[in-house]
Amino acid sequence: MSEDEGMQDQPQRYPSRRFPSAYFKAKPVKIGDELDVTISEISRRGDGLTRVDGYVIFVPNTKQGDSVKVKITQIRPNYAIGEIKT
């Protein structure tokens, strides 16, 4: 009996996958939510950034100090992306 035949009896094991704790936390916003926010800072990519209960929301095409109505379009474990609602 070769080594390959003996390996067939054991199930293949995959490395355990670890998710960050933020992945499972409830988010303070949902897709489609419309919020009135003030842009507090600018991200490295140049998008406006605001926070709702500490949760980051990126809003493209805004500047620091802008007060805008935002519609949430995407949600990620650590942040959301919104677009300006006109």
C-alpha atoms as a PDB file:
ATOM      1  CA  MET A   1       0.000   0.000   0.000  1.00  0.00           C
ATOM      2  CA  SER A   2       1.461   3.336  -1.019  1.00  0.00           C
ATOM      3  CA  GLU A   3       1.189   6.639   0.850  1.00  0.00           C
ATOM      4  CA  ASP A   4      -1.369   7.988  -1.654  1.00  0.00           C
ATOM      5  CA  GLU A   5      -3.809   5.169  -0.943  1.00  0.00           C
ATOM      6  CA  GLY A   6      -3.625   5.772   2.809  1.00  0.00           C
ATOM      7  CA  MET A   7      -4.414   9.483   2.337  1.00  0.00           C
ATOM      8  CA  GLN A   8      -7.713   8.707   0.596  1.00  0.00           C
ATOM      9  CA  ASP A   9      -9.234   7.414   3.841  1.00  0.00           C
ATOM     10  CA  GLN A  10      -8.810  10.737   5.650  1.00  0.00           C
ATOM     11  CA  PRO A  11     -11.026  13.704   4.764  1.00  0.00           C
ATOM     12  CA  GLN A  12      -9.244  16.719   3.324  1.00  0.00           C
ATOM     13  CA  ARG A  13      -8.872  19.490   5.876  1.00  0.00           C
ATOM     14  CA  TYR A  14      -9.015  23.138   4.990  1.00  0.00           C
ATOM     15  CA  PRO A  15      -7.413  25.863   7.073  1.00  0.00           C
ATOM     16  CA  SER A  16      -9.893  27.558   9.378  1.00  0.00           C
ATOM     17  CA  ARG A  17     -11.140  30.863   8.026  1.00  0.00           C
ATOM     18  CA  ARG A  18     -11.227  33.772  10.410  1.00  0.00           C
ATOM     19  CA  PHE A  19     -13.597  36.659   9.864  1.00  0.00           C
ATOM     20  CA  PRO A  20     -13.110  40.063  11.474  1.00  0.00           C
ATOM     21  CA  SER A  21     -15.585  40.773  14.270  1.00  0.00           C
ATOM     22  CA  ALA A  22     -17.003  43.732  12.283  1.00  0.00           C
ATOM     23  CA  TYR A  23     -18.219  41.273   9.634  1.00  0.00           C
ATOM     24  CA  PHE A  24     -21.054  40.017  11.813  1.00  0.00           C
ATOM     25  CA  LYS A  25     -21.989  43.184  13.707  1.00  0.00           C
ATOM     26  CA  ALA A  26     -25.302  44.871  12.942  1.00  0.00           C
ATOM     27  CA  LYS A  27     -24.790  47.893  10.722  1.00  0.00           C
ATOM     28  CA  PRO A  28     -26.494  51.213  11.610  1.00  0.00           C
ATOM     29  CA  VAL A  29     -27.571  51.691   7.964  1.00  0.00           C
ATOM     30  CA  LYS A  30     -29.223  49.538   5.306  1.00  0.00           C
ATOM     31  CA  ILE A  31     -29.109  49.626   1.509  1.00  0.00           C
ATOM     32  CA  GLY A  32     -31.592  52.200   0.281  1.00  0.00           C
ATOM     33  CA  ASP A  33     -31.570  54.274   3.495  1.00  0.00           C
ATOM     34  CA  GLU A  34     -31.623  58.030   2.918  1.00  0.00           C
ATOM     35  CA  LEU A  35     -29.766  60.128   5.477  1.00  0.00           C
ATOM     36  CA  ASP A  36     -29.046  63.833   5.962  1.00  0.00           C
ATOM     37  CA  VAL A  37     -25.338  64.013   6.810  1.00  0.00           C
ATOM     38  CA  THR A  38     -22.485  66.486   6.998  1.00  0.00           C
ATOM     39  CA  ILE A  39     -19.190  65.422   5.441  1.00  0.00           C
ATOM     40  CA  SER A  40     -16.631  65.493   8.252  1.00  0.00           C
ATOM     41  CA  GLU A  41     -13.432  64.612   6.388  1.00  0.00           C
ATOM     42  CA  ILE A  42     -11.939  63.580   3.058  1.00  0.00           C
ATOM     43  CA  SER A  43     -10.671  60.040   2.425  1.00  0.00           C
ATOM     44  CA  ARG A  44      -7.322  59.184   0.863  1.00  0.00           C
ATOM     45  CA  ARG A  45      -9.110  58.576  -2.441  1.00  0.00           C
ATOM     46  CA  GLY A  46     -10.716  62.020  -2.300  1.00  0.00           C
ATOM     47  CA  ASP A  47     -14.243  60.887  -1.400  1.00  0.00           C
ATOM     48  CA  GLY A  48     -16.186  62.618   1.352  1.00  0.00           C
ATOM     49  CA  LEU A  49     -16.401  60.679   4.593  1.00  0.00           C
ATOM     50  CA  THR A  50     -19.017  60.804   7.321  1.00  0.00           C
ATOM     51  CA  ARG A  51     -19.820  58.587  10.282  1.00  0.00           C
ATOM     52  CA  VAL A  52     -23.100  57.267  11.655  1.00  0.00           C
ATOM     53  CA  ASP A  53     -22.710  55.732  15.128  1.00  0.00           C
ATOM     54  CA  GLY A  54     -18.994  55.290  14.349  1.00  0.00           C
ATOM     55  CA  TYR A  55     -19.711  53.435  11.083  1.00  0.00           C
ATOM     56  CA  VAL A  56     -17.936  55.031   8.103  1.00  0.00           C
ATOM     57  CA  ILE A  57     -19.861  56.112   4.999  1.00  0.00           C
ATOM     58  CA  PHE A  58     -17.999  57.238   1.878  1.00  0.00           C
ATOM     59  CA  VAL A  59     -19.751  59.741  -0.377  1.00  0.00           C
ATOM     60  CA  PRO A  60     -18.049  60.480  -3.732  1.00  0.00           C
ATOM     61  CA  ASN A  61     -18.068  64.011  -5.201  1.00  0.00           C
ATOM     62  CA  THR A  62     -18.386  65.829  -1.883  1.00  0.00           C
ATOM     63  CA  LYS A  63     -16.144  68.165   0.095  1.00  0.00           C
ATOM     64  CA  GLN A  64     -15.533  68.589   3.799  1.00  0.00           C
ATOM     65  CA  GLY A  65     -18.327  70.598   5.383  1.00  0.00           C
ATOM     66  CA  ASP A  66     -20.968  69.743   2.744  1.00  0.00           C
ATOM     67  CA  SER A  67     -24.431  68.948   4.128  1.00  0.00           C
ATOM     68  CA  VAL A  68     -26.041  66.450   1.770  1.00  0.00           C
ATOM     69  CA  LYS A  69     -28.815  63.889   1.562  1.00  0.00           C
ATOM     70  CA  VAL A  70     -27.236  60.486   0.918  1.00  0.00           C
ATOM     71  CA  LYS A  71     -28.729  57.214  -0.321  1.00  0.00           C
ATOM     72  CA  ILE A  72     -26.804  54.089   0.776  1.00  0.00           C
ATOM     73  CA  THR A  73     -25.884  51.960  -2.264  1.00  0.00           C
ATOM     74  CA  GLN A  74     -23.361  49.425  -0.897  1.00  0.00           C
ATOM     75  CA  ILE A  75     -22.570  47.970   2.504  1.00  0.00           C
ATOM     76  CA  ARG A  76     -19.297  46.341   3.510  1.00  0.00           C
ATOM     77  CA  PRO A  77     -18.213  44.955   6.905  1.00  0.00           C
ATOM     78  CA  ASN A  78     -16.331  48.130   7.887  1.00  0.00           C
ATOM     79  CA  TYR A  79     -17.922  50.835   5.742  1.00  0.00           C
ATOM     80  CA  ALA A  80     -20.752  51.804   3.414  1.00  0.00           C
ATOM     81  CA  ILE A  81     -20.876  53.753   0.153  1.00  0.00           C
ATOM     82  CA  GLY A  82     -23.575  56.279  -0.562  1.00  0.00           C
ATOM     83  CA  GLU A  83     -24.493  58.575  -3.413  1.00  0.00           C
ATOM     84  CA  ILE A  84     -25.826  62.103  -3.270  1.00  0.00           C
ATOM     85  CA  LYS A  85     -29.604  62.179  -3.496  1.00  0.00           C
ATOM     86  CA  THR A  86     -30.845  65.191  -5.455  1.00  0.00           C
END
